[in-house]
PDB file of N, CA and C in Angstrom:
ATOM      1  N   MET A   1     142.197  81.223  48.087  1.00  0.00           N
ATOM      2  CA  MET A   1     143.082  81.600  46.534  1.00  0.00           C
ATOM      3  C   MET A   1     142.746  83.083  46.246  1.00  0.00           C
ATOM      4  N   ARG A   2     141.521  83.346  46.357  1.00  0.00           N
ATOM      5  CA  ARG A   2     141.589  84.813  46.125  1.00  0.00           C
ATOM      6  C   ARG A   2     142.920  85.654  47.010  1.00  0.00           C
ATOM      7  N   ILE A   3     142.227  85.538  48.278  1.00  0.00           N
ATOM      8  CA  ILE A   3     143.438  86.164  49.387  1.00  0.00           C
ATOM      9  C   ILE A   3     144.293  85.788  49.060  1.00  0.00           C
ATOM     10  N   ALA A   4     145.025  84.826  48.668  1.00  0.00           N
ATOM     11  CA  ALA A   4     146.500  84.424  48.231  1.00  0.00           C
ATOM     12  C   ALA A   4     147.073  85.152  46.845  1.00  0.00           C
ATOM     13  N   THR A   5     145.884  85.447  45.801  1.00  0.00           N
ATOM     14  CA  THR A   5     146.350  86.387  44.877  1.00  0.00           C
ATOM     15  C   THR A   5     146.481  87.611  45.105  1.00  0.00           C
ATOM     16  N   LEU A   6     145.557  88.443  46.246  1.00  0.00           N
ATOM     17  CA  LEU A   6     145.245  90.003  46.790  1.00  0.00           C
ATOM     18  C   LEU A   6     146.858  90.091  47.381  1.00  0.00           C
ATOM     19  N   SER A   7     147.204  89.468  48.218  1.00  0.00           N
ATOM     20  CA  SER A   7     148.323  89.167  48.904  1.00  0.00           C
ATOM     21  C   SER A   7     149.452  89.543  48.393  1.00  0.00           C
ATOM     22  N   LEU A   8     149.573  87.929  47.009  1.00  0.00           N
ATOM     23  CA  LEU A   8     150.957  88.324  46.394  1.00  0.00           C
ATOM     24  C   LEU A   8     150.860  89.675  45.231  1.00  0.00           C
ATOM     25  N   LEU A   9     149.543  89.946  44.778  1.00  0.00           N
ATOM     26  CA  LEU A   9     149.749  91.215  44.329  1.00  0.00           C
ATOM     27  C   LEU A   9     150.224  92.698  45.370  1.00  0.00           C
ATOM     28  N   ALA A  10     149.611  92.677  46.560  1.00  0.00           N
ATOM     29  CA  ALA A  10     149.784  93.847  47.439  1.00  0.00           C
ATOM     30  C   ALA A  10     151.654  93.623  47.692  1.00  0.00           C
ATOM     31  N   LEU A  11     151.971  92.598  47.654  1.00  0.00           N
ATOM     32  CA  LEU A  11     153.422  92.730  48.134  1.00  0.00           C
ATOM     33  C   LEU A  11     154.524  92.896  46.571  1.00  0.00           C
ATOM     34  N   LEU A  12     153.893  92.967  45.597  1.00  0.00           N
ATOM     35  CA  LEU A  12     154.522  93.076  44.163  1.00  0.00           C
ATOM     36  C   LEU A  12     154.036  94.772  43.884  1.00  0.00           C
ATOM     37  N   ALA A  13     153.217  95.438  44.629  1.00  0.00           N
ATOM     38  CA  ALA A  13     153.092  96.789  44.415  1.00  0.00           C
ATOM     39  C   ALA A  13     153.861  97.029  45.329  1.00  0.00           C
ATOM     40  N   CYS A  14     154.686  96.722  46.124  1.00  0.00           N
ATOM     41  CA  CYS A  14     155.473  97.102  47.318  1.00  0.00           C
ATOM     42  C   CYS A  14     156.421  97.501  46.796  1.00  0.00           C
ATOM     43  N   GLY A  15     157.130  96.374  45.636  1.00  0.00           N
ATOM     44  CA  GLY A  15     158.543  96.578  45.174  1.00  0.00           C
ATOM     45  C   GLY A  15     159.447  95.382  46.084  1.00  0.00           C
ATOM     46  N   SER A  16     160.621  95.182  45.510  1.00  0.00           N
ATOM     47  CA  SER A  16     161.079  94.125  46.452  1.00  0.00           C
ATOM     48  C   SER A  16     161.937  94.626  47.575  1.00  0.00           C
ATOM     49  N   PRO A  17     161.999  93.823  48.772  1.00  0.00           N
ATOM     50  CA  PRO A  17     162.802  94.590  49.603  1.00  0.00           C
ATOM     51  C   PRO A  17     164.315  95.338  49.577  1.00  0.00           C
ATOM     52  N   GLY A  18     165.039  95.172  48.389  1.00  0.00           N
ATOM     53  CA  GLY A  18     166.077  95.137  48.368  1.00  0.00           C
ATOM     54  C   GLY A  18     166.715  96.298  47.208  1.00  0.00           C
ATOM     55  N   ALA A  19     165.316  96.600  46.404  1.00  0.00           N
ATOM     56  CA  ALA A  19     165.684  97.486  45.161  1.00  0.00           C
ATOM     57  C   ALA A  19     165.455  99.258  45.885  1.00  0.00           C
ATOM     58  N   VAL A  20     166.392  99.697  44.885  1.00  0.00           N
ATOM     59  CA  VAL A  20     166.624 101.337  45.465  1.00  0.00           C
ATOM     60  C   VAL A  20     165.989 102.136  44.170  1.00  0.00           C
ATOM     61  N   SER A  21     165.248 103.005  44.636  1.00  0.00           N
ATOM     62  CA  SER A  21     164.962 103.805  42.696  1.00  0.00           C
ATOM     63  C   SER A  21     166.179 104.460  42.740  1.00  0.00           C
ATOM     64  N   ARG A  22     167.090 105.325  43.264  1.00  0.00           N
ATOM     65  CA  ARG A  22     167.807 105.950  42.723  1.00  0.00           C
ATOM     66  C   ARG A  22     169.340 106.444  43.995  1.00  0.00           C
ATOM     67  N   THR A  23     170.331 106.640  43.127  1.00  0.00           N
ATOM     68  CA  THR A  23     171.592 107.611  43.588  1.00  0.00           C
ATOM     69  C   THR A  23     171.593 108.752  44.104  1.00  0.00           C
ATOM     70  N   VAL A  24     171.457 109.297  45.126  1.00  0.00           N
ATOM     71  CA  VAL A  24     171.593 110.574  44.582  1.00  0.00           C
ATOM     72  C   VAL A  24     173.184 111.158  45.114  1.00  0.00           C
ATOM     73  N   ARG A  25     174.297 111.788  44.371  1.00  0.00           N
ATOM     74  CA  ARG A  25     175.396 112.364  44.843  1.00  0.00           C
ATOM     75  C   ARG A  25     175.134 113.577  45.975  1.00  0.00           C
ATOM     76  N   VAL A  26     175.722 113.743  46.538  1.00  0.00           N
ATOM     77  CA  VAL A  26     175.847 115.122  47.400  1.00  0.00           C
ATOM     78  C   VAL A  26     177.573 115.734  47.717  1.00  0.00           C
ATOM     79  N   ASP A  27     177.653 116.319  46.973  1.00  0.00           N
ATOM     80  CA  ASP A  27     178.953 117.113  46.923  1.00  0.00           C
ATOM     81  C   ASP A  27     178.988 118.728  47.675  1.00  0.00           C
ATOM     82  N   ASP A  28     178.044 119.315  48.201  1.00  0.00           N
ATOM     83  CA  ASP A  28     178.142 120.460  47.875  1.00  0.00           C
ATOM     84  C   ASP A  28     177.239 120.700  49.464  1.00  0.00           C
ATOM     85  N   LEU A  29     177.753 120.679  50.911  1.00  0.00           N
ATOM     86  CA  LEU A  29     176.953 120.644  51.651  1.00  0.00           C
ATOM     87  C   LEU A  29     177.420 122.004  52.731  1.00  0.00           C
ATOM     88  N   ALA A  30     176.682 123.043  52.835  1.00  0.00           N
ATOM     89  CA  ALA A  30     177.895 124.306  53.034  1.00  0.00           C
ATOM     90  C   ALA A  30     177.612 124.826  54.374  1.00  0.00           C
ATOM     91  N   CYS A  31     176.997 124.153  55.364  1.00  0.00           N
ATOM     92  CA  CYS A  31     176.666 123.918  56.812  1.00  0.00           C
ATOM     93  C   CYS A  31     177.330 122.729  57.150  1.00  0.00           C
ATOM     94  N   ALA A  32     178.378 121.802  56.495  1.00  0.00           N
ATOM     95  CA  ALA A  32     179.402 120.538  57.136  1.00  0.00           C
ATOM     96  C   ALA A  32     179.912 121.781  57.791  1.00  0.00           C
ATOM     97  N   SER A  33     180.715 120.493  58.729  1.00  0.00           N
ATOM     98  CA  SER A  33     181.871 120.912  59.474  1.00  0.00           C
ATOM     99  C   SER A  33     182.520 120.220  60.199  1.00  0.00           C
ATOM    100  N   GLY A  34     183.665 120.849  60.556  1.00  0.00           N
ATOM    101  CA  GLY A  34     184.533 119.758  61.457  1.00  0.00           C
ATOM    102  C   GLY A  34     186.083 118.973  60.305  1.00  0.00           C
ATOM    103  N   GLY A  35     186.878 118.149  61.082  1.00  0.00           N
ATOM    104  CA  GLY A  35     187.912 117.861  60.126  1.00  0.00           C
ATOM    105  C   GLY A  35     188.652 117.075  60.937  1.00  0.00           C
ATOM    106  N   ASP A  36     189.980 117.007  60.811  1.00  0.00           N
ATOM    107  CA  ASP A  36     191.307 115.855  61.869  1.00  0.00           C
ATOM    108  C   ASP A  36     190.783 115.938  62.844  1.00  0.00           C
ATOM    109  N   ALA A  37     190.469 116.912  63.522  1.00  0.00           N
ATOM    110  CA  ALA A  37     190.848 117.363  65.267  1.00  0.00           C
ATOM    111  C   ALA A  37     189.174 117.176  65.773  1.00  0.00           C
ATOM    112  N   VAL A  38     188.049 116.882  65.322  1.00  0.00           N
ATOM    113  CA  VAL A  38     186.810 116.835  65.589  1.00  0.00           C
ATOM    114  C   VAL A  38     185.979 116.694  64.735  1.00  0.00           C
ATOM    115  N   PRO A  39     184.887 116.006  64.914  1.00  0.00           N
ATOM    116  CA  PRO A  39     184.129 114.657  63.692  1.00  0.00           C
ATOM    117  C   PRO A  39     183.732 115.875  62.874  1.00  0.00           C
ATOM    118  N   TRP A  40     183.489 115.623  61.799  1.00  0.00           N
ATOM    119  CA  TRP A  40     182.566 116.222  60.674  1.00  0.00           C
ATOM    120  C   TRP A  40     181.292 115.781  60.617  1.00  0.00           C
ATOM    121  N   GLU A  41     180.048 116.839  60.999  1.00  0.00           N
ATOM    122  CA  GLU A  41     179.025 116.726  60.571  1.00  0.00           C
ATOM    123  C   GLU A  41     178.608 117.218  59.363  1.00  0.00           C
ATOM    124  N   SER A  42     177.342 116.232  59.072  1.00  0.00           N
ATOM    125  CA  SER A  42     176.697 117.035  57.722  1.00  0.00           C
ATOM    126  C   SER A  42     176.302 118.185  57.755  1.00  0.00           C
ATOM    127  N   ALA A  43     175.313 118.549  59.090  1.00  0.00           N
ATOM    128  CA  ALA A  43     174.331 119.895  59.605  1.00  0.00           C
ATOM    129  C   ALA A  43     174.604 119.890  61.007  1.00  0.00           C
ATOM    130  N   PRO A  44     174.458 120.990  61.541  1.00  0.00           N
ATOM    131  CA  PRO A  44     174.462 120.976  63.226  1.00  0.00           C
ATOM    132  C   PRO A  44     172.930 120.541  63.510  1.00  0.00           C
ATOM    133  N   TRP A  45     172.881 120.309  64.682  1.00  0.00           N
ATOM    134  CA  TRP A  45     171.722 119.722  65.971  1.00  0.00           C
ATOM    135  C   TRP A  45     170.857 120.814  65.513  1.00  0.00           C
ATOM    136  N   PRO A  46     169.372 120.385  66.191  1.00  0.00           N
ATOM    137  CA  PRO A  46     168.153 121.632  66.193  1.00  0.00           C
ATOM    138  C   PRO A  46     168.800 122.211  67.228  1.00  0.00           C
ATOM    139  N   PRO A  47     168.268 123.677  67.889  1.00  0.00           N
ATOM    140  CA  PRO A  47     167.661 124.265  66.419  1.00  0.00           C
ATOM    141  C   PRO A  47     168.427 124.715  65.919  1.00  0.00           C
ATOM    142  N   ALA A  48     169.927 125.225  66.184  1.00  0.00           N
ATOM    143  CA  ALA A  48     170.685 125.584  65.369  1.00  0.00           C
ATOM    144  C   ALA A  48     170.874 125.672  63.950  1.00  0.00           C
ATOM    145  N   SER A  49     170.384 124.259  63.392  1.00  0.00           N
ATOM    146  CA  SER A  49     169.976 124.004  61.953  1.00  0.00           C
ATOM    147  C   SER A  49     168.957 124.718  61.636  1.00  0.00           C
ATOM    148  N   GLU A  50     167.826 124.775  62.121  1.00  0.00           N
ATOM    149  CA  GLU A  50     166.805 125.495  61.730  1.00  0.00           C
ATOM    150  C   GLU A  50     167.316 127.373  61.391  1.00  0.00           C
ATOM    151  N   ALA A  51     167.791 127.500  62.473  1.00  0.00           N
ATOM    152  CA  ALA A  51     168.220 129.275  62.344  1.00  0.00           C
ATOM    153  C   ALA A  51     169.334 129.223  61.295  1.00  0.00           C
ATOM    154  N   GLU A  52     170.276 128.648  61.169  1.00  0.00           N
ATOM    155  CA  GLU A  52     171.181 128.864  60.132  1.00  0.00           C
ATOM    156  C   GLU A  52     170.675 128.685  59.099  1.00  0.00           C
ATOM    157  N   GLY A  53     169.360 128.026  58.541  1.00  0.00           N
ATOM    158  CA  GLY A  53     169.358 127.555  56.794  1.00  0.00           C
ATOM    159  C   GLY A  53     169.514 126.113  56.470  1.00  0.00           C
ATOM    160  N   CYS A  54     170.309 125.400  58.085  1.00  0.00           N
ATOM    161  CA  CYS A  54     171.288 124.291  57.346  1.00  0.00           C
ATOM    162  C   CYS A  54     169.956 123.142  58.023  1.00  0.00           C
ATOM    163  N   GLY A  55     169.593 122.863  56.819  1.00  0.00           N
ATOM    164  CA  GLY A  55     168.328 121.406  56.876  1.00  0.00           C
ATOM    165  C   GLY A  55     169.185 120.054  56.617  1.00  0.00           C
ATOM    166  N   TRP A  56     168.599 119.133  57.323  1.00  0.00           N
ATOM    167  CA  TRP A  56     169.198 117.979  57.733  1.00  0.00           C
ATOM    168  C   TRP A  56     169.390 117.264  55.877  1.00  0.00           C
ATOM    169  N   LEU A  57     169.920 116.033  55.380  1.00  0.00           N
ATOM    170  CA  LEU A  57     169.851 116.027  54.057  1.00  0.00           C
ATOM    171  C   LEU A  57     168.503 115.305  53.976  1.00  0.00           C
ATOM    172  N   ASP A  58     168.204 115.059  53.221  1.00  0.00           N
ATOM    173  CA  ASP A  58     166.272 114.570  52.550  1.00  0.00           C
ATOM    174  C   ASP A  58     167.192 113.260  51.784  1.00  0.00           C
ATOM    175  N   PHE A  59     166.643 112.455  52.832  1.00  0.00           N
ATOM    176  CA  PHE A  59     166.866 110.550  52.672  1.00  0.00           C
ATOM    177  C   PHE A  59     165.738 110.272  52.396  1.00  0.00           C
ATOM    178  N   GLY A  60     165.338 109.867  51.196  1.00  0.00           N
ATOM    179  CA  GLY A  60     164.290 109.735  51.010  1.00  0.00           C
ATOM    180  C   GLY A  60     163.881 108.138  50.998  1.00  0.00           C
ATOM    181  N   ALA A  61     162.273 107.225  50.357  1.00  0.00           N
ATOM    182  CA  ALA A  61     162.190 105.828  50.767  1.00  0.00           C
ATOM    183  C   ALA A  61     163.215 105.479  49.338  1.00  0.00           C
ATOM    184  N   ARG A  62     164.062 104.628  49.751  1.00  0.00           N
ATOM    185  CA  ARG A  62     164.586 103.731  48.577  1.00  0.00           C
ATOM    186  C   ARG A  62     165.626 104.536  47.963  1.00  0.00           C
ATOM    187  N   VAL A  63     166.321 105.479  48.873  1.00  0.00           N
ATOM    188  CA  VAL A  63     167.517 106.522  48.355  1.00  0.00           C
ATOM    189  C   VAL A  63     168.579 106.106  48.987  1.00  0.00           C
ATOM    190  N   THR A  64     169.854 106.201  47.706  1.00  0.00           N
ATOM    191  CA  THR A  64     170.926 106.056  48.074  1.00  0.00           C
ATOM    192  C   THR A  64     171.683 107.333  47.916  1.00  0.00           C
ATOM    193  N   LEU A  65     172.121 107.639  49.372  1.00  0.00           N
ATOM    194  CA  LEU A  65     173.240 108.899  49.009  1.00  0.00           C
ATOM    195  C   LEU A  65     174.906 108.683  48.911  1.00  0.00           C
ATOM    196  N   GLU A  66     175.420 109.168  48.004  1.00  0.00           N
ATOM    197  CA  GLU A  66     176.906 109.372  48.127  1.00  0.00           C
ATOM    198  C   GLU A  66     177.321 110.409  48.468  1.00  0.00           C
ATOM    199  N   ILE A  67     177.564 110.469  49.712  1.00  0.00           N
ATOM    200  CA  ILE A  67     178.217 112.128  50.387  1.00  0.00           C
ATOM    201  C   ILE A  67     179.965 112.118  50.078  1.00  0.00           C
ATOM    202  N   GLU A  68     180.113 113.166  49.617  1.00  0.00           N
ATOM    203  CA  GLU A  68     181.848 113.276  49.452  1.00  0.00           C
ATOM    204  C   GLU A  68     181.801 114.310  51.503  1.00  0.00           C
ATOM    205  N   HIS A  69     182.731 114.176  51.981  1.00  0.00           N
ATOM    206  CA  HIS A  69     183.425 114.601  53.172  1.00  0.00           C
ATOM    207  C   HIS A  69     183.934 115.455  53.107  1.00  0.00           C
ATOM    208  N   GLY A  70     185.171 115.541  52.239  1.00  0.00           N
ATOM    209  CA  GLY A  70     186.589 116.324  52.148  1.00  0.00           C
ATOM    210  C   GLY A  70     186.945 116.080  53.260  1.00  0.00           C
ATOM    211  N   LEU A  71     187.407 115.302  54.032  1.00  0.00           N
ATOM    212  CA  LEU A  71     188.229 114.426  55.283  1.00  0.00           C
ATOM    213  C   LEU A  71     189.382 114.540  54.750  1.00  0.00           C
ATOM    214  N   GLY A  72     189.758 114.111  53.261  1.00  0.00           N
ATOM    215  CA  GLY A  72     190.806 113.694  52.826  1.00  0.00           C
ATOM    216  C   GLY A  72     191.918 112.025  53.559  1.00  0.00           C
ATOM    217  N   ARG A  73     190.700 111.533  54.068  1.00  0.00           N
ATOM    218  CA  ARG A  73     191.206 109.939  55.121  1.00  0.00           C
ATOM    219  C   ARG A  73     190.148 109.302  55.275  1.00  0.00           C
ATOM    220  N   THR A  74     189.774 108.011  55.766  1.00  0.00           N
ATOM    221  CA  THR A  74     188.929 106.853  55.723  1.00  0.00           C
ATOM    222  C   THR A  74     188.363 107.372  56.867  1.00  0.00           C
ATOM    223  N   PRO A  75     186.894 107.717  57.369  1.00  0.00           N
ATOM    224  CA  PRO A  75     187.092 108.087  58.721  1.00  0.00           C
ATOM    225  C   PRO A  75     186.960 106.575  59.537  1.00  0.00           C
ATOM    226  N   ARG A  76     187.014 106.987  60.702  1.00  0.00           N
ATOM    227  CA  ARG A  76     187.146 105.898  61.928  1.00  0.00           C
ATOM    228  C   ARG A  76     185.760 105.231  62.215  1.00  0.00           C
ATOM    229  N   ASP A  77     184.604 106.224  61.772  1.00  0.00           N
ATOM    230  CA  ASP A  77     183.408 105.566  62.435  1.00  0.00           C
ATOM    231  C   ASP A  77     182.183 106.619  61.778  1.00  0.00           C
ATOM    232  N   VAL A  78     181.105 106.006  61.345  1.00  0.00           N
ATOM    233  CA  VAL A  78     179.956 106.816  61.355  1.00  0.00           C
ATOM    234  C   VAL A  78     178.983 107.012  61.825  1.00  0.00           C
ATOM    235  N   GLY A  79     178.710 108.054  62.547  1.00  0.00           N
ATOM    236  CA  GLY A  79     176.961 108.193  62.882  1.00  0.00           C
ATOM    237  C   GLY A  79     176.014 108.353  62.408  1.00  0.00           C
ATOM    238  N   LEU A  80     174.756 108.237  62.437  1.00  0.00           N
ATOM    239  CA  LEU A  80     173.956 108.010  61.920  1.00  0.00           C
ATOM    240  C   LEU A  80     172.799 108.462  62.153  1.00  0.00           C
ATOM    241  N   THR A  81     171.929 109.842  62.448  1.00  0.00           N
ATOM    242  CA  THR A  81     171.033 109.727  63.002  1.00  0.00           C
ATOM    243  C   THR A  81     169.842 110.230  61.821  1.00  0.00           C
ATOM    244  N   ILE A  82     168.244 109.603  62.183  1.00  0.00           N
ATOM    245  CA  ILE A  82     167.167 110.207  61.283  1.00  0.00           C
ATOM    246  C   ILE A  82     166.180 110.914  62.185  1.00  0.00           C
ATOM    247  N   SER A  83     165.312 111.894  61.087  1.00  0.00           N
ATOM    248  CA  SER A  83     164.389 112.490  62.336  1.00  0.00           C
ATOM    249  C   SER A  83     163.232 112.458  60.532  1.00  0.00           C
ATOM    250  N   PHE A  84     161.751 112.972  61.028  1.00  0.00           N
ATOM    251  CA  PHE A  84     161.428 113.452  60.197  1.00  0.00           C
ATOM    252  C   PHE A  84     160.978 114.560  60.118  1.00  0.00           C
ATOM    253  N   PHE A  85     161.541 115.171  60.646  1.00  0.00           N
ATOM    254  CA  PHE A  85     161.953 116.982  60.274  1.00  0.00           C
ATOM    255  C   PHE A  85     162.928 117.051  59.789  1.00  0.00           C
ATOM    256  N   PRO A  86     163.015 118.267  58.257  1.00  0.00           N
ATOM    257  CA  PRO A  86     164.297 118.879  57.936  1.00  0.00           C
ATOM    258  C   PRO A  86     165.208 119.388  59.231  1.00  0.00           C
ATOM    259  N   ASP A  87     164.694 119.861  60.066  1.00  0.00           N
ATOM    260  CA  ASP A  87     166.179 120.342  60.907  1.00  0.00           C
ATOM    261  C   ASP A  87     166.319 119.563  62.082  1.00  0.00           C
ATOM    262  N   GLY A  88     166.132 118.352  62.035  1.00  0.00           N
ATOM    263  CA  GLY A  88     166.753 117.368  62.633  1.00  0.00           C
ATOM    264  C   GLY A  88     165.489 117.314  64.423  1.00  0.00           C
ATOM    265  N   ALA A  89     164.604 117.809  64.331  1.00  0.00           N
ATOM    266  CA  ALA A  89     163.444 117.581  65.405  1.00  0.00           C
ATOM    267  C   ALA A  89     163.603 116.234  65.582  1.00  0.00           C
ATOM    268  N   SER A  90     163.411 115.817  66.951  1.00  0.00           N
ATOM    269  CA  SER A  90     162.712 114.695  67.437  1.00  0.00           C
ATOM    270  C   SER A  90     163.685 113.613  66.857  1.00  0.00           C
ATOM    271  N   SER A  91     164.615 113.923  66.945  1.00  0.00           N
ATOM    272  CA  SER A  91     165.899 112.360  66.015  1.00  0.00           C
ATOM    273  C   SER A  91     165.935 111.111  66.699  1.00  0.00           C
ATOM    274  N   ALA A  92     166.308 110.051  65.904  1.00  0.00           N
ATOM    275  CA  ALA A  92     166.952 108.986  67.146  1.00  0.00           C
ATOM    276  C   ALA A  92     167.892 108.901  65.762  1.00  0.00           C
ATOM    277  N   PRO A  93     169.028 107.695  66.516  1.00  0.00           N
ATOM    278  CA  PRO A  93     169.918 107.092  66.027  1.00  0.00           C
ATOM    279  C   PRO A  93     169.160 106.276  64.881  1.00  0.00           C
ATOM    280  N   SER A  94     169.802 105.922  63.376  1.00  0.00           N
ATOM    281  CA  SER A  94     169.335 104.733  62.566  1.00  0.00           C
ATOM    282  C   SER A  94     169.343 103.280  63.363  1.00  0.00           C
ATOM    283  N   ALA A  95     168.585 102.469  62.930  1.00  0.00           N
ATOM    284  CA  ALA A  95     168.737 101.349  62.728  1.00  0.00           C
ATOM    285  C   ALA A  95     168.446 100.468  62.021  1.00  0.00           C
ATOM    286  N   GLY A  96     168.919  99.457  61.556  1.00  0.00           N
ATOM    287  CA  GLY A  96     168.219  98.404  60.579  1.00  0.00           C
ATOM    288  C   GLY A  96     168.249  99.000  59.221  1.00  0.00           C
ATOM    289  N   ASP A  97     167.530  98.832  58.350  1.00  0.00           N
ATOM    290  CA  ASP A  97     167.426  99.012  57.335  1.00  0.00           C
ATOM    291  C   ASP A  97     167.261 100.917  56.601  1.00  0.00           C
ATOM    292  N   THR A  98     166.906 101.670  58.324  1.00  0.00           N
ATOM    293  CA  THR A  98     167.111 102.936  57.775  1.00  0.00           C
ATOM    294  C   THR A  98     168.487 103.509  57.213  1.00  0.00           C
ATOM    295  N   ALA A  99     168.976 103.398  57.501  1.00  0.00           N
ATOM    296  CA  ALA A  99     170.210 103.851  57.109  1.00  0.00           C
ATOM    297  C   ALA A  99     171.455 102.742  56.868  1.00  0.00           C
ATOM    298  N   ARG A 100     171.246 102.055  55.958  1.00  0.00           N
ATOM    299  CA  ARG A 100     172.838 101.084  56.035  1.00  0.00           C
ATOM    300  C   ARG A 100     174.057 101.575  55.346  1.00  0.00           C
ATOM    301  N   ILE A 101     175.201 101.478  55.755  1.00  0.00           N
ATOM    302  CA  ILE A 101     176.476 102.006  55.370  1.00  0.00           C
ATOM    303  C   ILE A 101     176.754 101.016  54.026  1.00  0.00           C
ATOM    304  N   LEU A 102     176.621 101.279  53.105  1.00  0.00           N
ATOM    305  CA  LEU A 102     177.153 100.504  52.195  1.00  0.00           C
ATOM    306  C   LEU A 102     178.809 100.702  51.623  1.00  0.00           C
ATOM    307  N   SER A 103     179.653 102.188  52.231  1.00  0.00           N
ATOM    308  CA  SER A 103     180.722 101.777  51.507  1.00  0.00           C
ATOM    309  C   SER A 103     181.253 103.070  52.333  1.00  0.00           C
ATOM    310  N   VAL A 104     182.973 103.421  53.162  1.00  0.00           N
ATOM    311  CA  VAL A 104     183.109 104.560  53.478  1.00  0.00           C
ATOM    312  C   VAL A 104     184.594 104.273  53.059  1.00  0.00           C
ATOM    313  N   THR A 105     185.025 105.648  52.082  1.00  0.00           N
ATOM    314  CA  THR A 105     186.358 105.678  52.352  1.00  0.00           C
ATOM    315  C   THR A 105     186.906 107.565  52.061  1.00  0.00           C
ATOM    316  N   GLU A 106     188.150 107.781  51.329  1.00  0.00           N
ATOM    317  CA  GLU A 106     188.531 109.095  52.152  1.00  0.00           C
ATOM    318  C   GLU A 106     187.695 110.190  51.468  1.00  0.00           C
ATOM    319  N   THR A 107     186.935 109.973  50.479  1.00  0.00           N
ATOM    320  CA  THR A 107     186.733 110.737  49.795  1.00  0.00           C
ATOM    321  C   THR A 107     184.911 110.578  49.704  1.00  0.00           C
ATOM    322  N   ALA A 108     184.486 109.421  50.767  1.00  0.00           N
ATOM    323  CA  ALA A 108     183.000 109.730  50.532  1.00  0.00           C
ATOM    324  C   ALA A 108     182.290 108.513  51.304  1.00  0.00           C
ATOM    325  N   VAL A 109     181.550 108.965  52.011  1.00  0.00           N
ATOM    326  CA  VAL A 109     180.322 107.722  52.505  1.00  0.00           C
ATOM    327  C   VAL A 109     179.031 107.433  51.699  1.00  0.00           C
ATOM    328  N   VAL A 110     178.576 105.751  51.483  1.00  0.00           N
ATOM    329  CA  VAL A 110     177.360 105.829  50.747  1.00  0.00           C
ATOM    330  C   VAL A 110     176.305 105.115  51.608  1.00  0.00           C
ATOM    331  N   ILE A 111     175.646 105.882  51.709  1.00  0.00           N
ATOM    332  CA  ILE A 111     174.576 105.570  53.051  1.00  0.00           C
ATOM    333  C   ILE A 111     173.125 105.304  51.915  1.00  0.00           C
ATOM    334  N   GLU A 112     172.296 104.137  52.267  1.00  0.00           N
ATOM    335  CA  GLU A 112     171.389 103.996  51.949  1.00  0.00           C
ATOM    336  C   GLU A 112     170.298 103.481  52.675  1.00  0.00           C
ATOM    337  N   ASN A 113     168.699 103.969  52.273  1.00  0.00           N
ATOM    338  CA  ASN A 113     167.574 104.133  52.829  1.00  0.00           C
ATOM    339  C   ASN A 113     167.021 102.764  52.499  1.00  0.00           C
ATOM    340  N   GLY A 114     166.773 101.134  52.956  1.00  0.00           N
ATOM    341  CA  GLY A 114     166.280 100.536  52.517  1.00  0.00           C
ATOM    342  C   GLY A 114     164.704 100.326  52.553  1.00  0.00           C
ATOM    343  N   THR A 115     164.312 101.822  53.223  1.00  0.00           N
ATOM    344  CA  THR A 115     162.914 101.385  53.911  1.00  0.00           C
ATOM    345  C   THR A 115     162.294 101.965  52.619  1.00  0.00           C
ATOM    346  N   ASN A 116     160.342 101.970  52.782  1.00  0.00           N
ATOM    347  CA  ASN A 116     159.886 102.656  52.292  1.00  0.00           C
ATOM    348  C   ASN A 116     159.239 104.360  52.739  1.00  0.00           C
ATOM    349  N   GLU A 117     159.963 104.481  53.848  1.00  0.00           N
ATOM    350  CA  GLU A 117     159.633 105.918  54.504  1.00  0.00           C
ATOM    351  C   GLU A 117     160.401 107.277  54.033  1.00  0.00           C
ATOM    352  N   ASP A 118     160.053 107.662  54.120  1.00  0.00           N
ATOM    353  CA  ASP A 118     160.822 109.437  53.966  1.00  0.00           C
ATOM    354  C   ASP A 118     161.350 109.757  55.361  1.00  0.00           C
ATOM    355  N   PHE A 119     163.049 110.403  55.388  1.00  0.00           N
ATOM    356  CA  PHE A 119     163.441 110.434  56.435  1.00  0.00           C
ATOM    357  C   PHE A 119     164.179 111.840  56.087  1.00  0.00           C
ATOM    358  N   PHE A 120     165.110 112.443  57.228  1.00  0.00           N
ATOM    359  CA  PHE A 120     166.115 113.397  57.108  1.00  0.00           C
ATOM    360  C   PHE A 120     167.501 112.920  57.937  1.00  0.00           C
ATOM    361  N   LEU A 121     168.219 113.150  57.360  1.00  0.00           N
ATOM    362  CA  LEU A 121     169.457 112.537  58.111  1.00  0.00           C
ATOM    363  C   LEU A 121     170.875 113.540  58.396  1.00  0.00           C
ATOM    364  N   LYS A 122     171.157 113.331  59.152  1.00  0.00           N
ATOM    365  CA  LYS A 122     172.833 113.905  59.856  1.00  0.00           C
ATOM    366  C   LYS A 122     173.676 112.727  59.745  1.00  0.00           C
ATOM    367  N   VAL A 123     174.859 113.204  59.014  1.00  0.00           N
ATOM    368  CA  VAL A 123     175.737 112.084  59.101  1.00  0.00           C
ATOM    369  C   VAL A 123     177.240 112.963  60.039  1.00  0.00           C
ATOM    370  N   VAL A 124     177.660 112.137  60.866  1.00  0.00           N
ATOM    371  CA  VAL A 124     178.945 112.384  61.645  1.00  0.00           C
ATOM    372  C   VAL A 124     180.076 111.249  61.771  1.00  0.00           C
ATOM    373  N   LEU A 125     180.684 112.132  61.203  1.00  0.00           N
ATOM    374  CA  LEU A 125     182.347 110.994  60.904  1.00  0.00           C
ATOM    375  C   LEU A 125     183.366 111.123  61.377  1.00  0.00           C
ATOM    376  N   PHE A 126     183.603 110.305  62.379  1.00  0.00           N
ATOM    377  CA  PHE A 126     184.979 110.598  63.460  1.00  0.00           C
ATOM    378  C   PHE A 126     186.355 109.853  62.620  1.00  0.00           C
TER     379      PHE A 126
END
């Protein structure tokens, strides 16, 4: 009984799997590039991102980012890449709960980090 109680308390301390702590609106991406003819990118790939002072988006645990893209149209595809480093070093495509696409419109994309881990995020819109 004692082990079951401790296990239950540990689960409660972690929070519920679907709980997101906050939503952050991102509307000023000075290093974003692209448009109609080329993919839109929230920041460049490393090492350019570090050299230009263009870090990837801070994508903390249980955070939802509402990212304005300025394309003027709904993107046909959304590419998401995550890293543990702000310049995007050692990055990998997101999978599962690391970056869920909640909505895609002509003005913004909404991405949720459904994990308890902090990442940095690069968004590419086609």
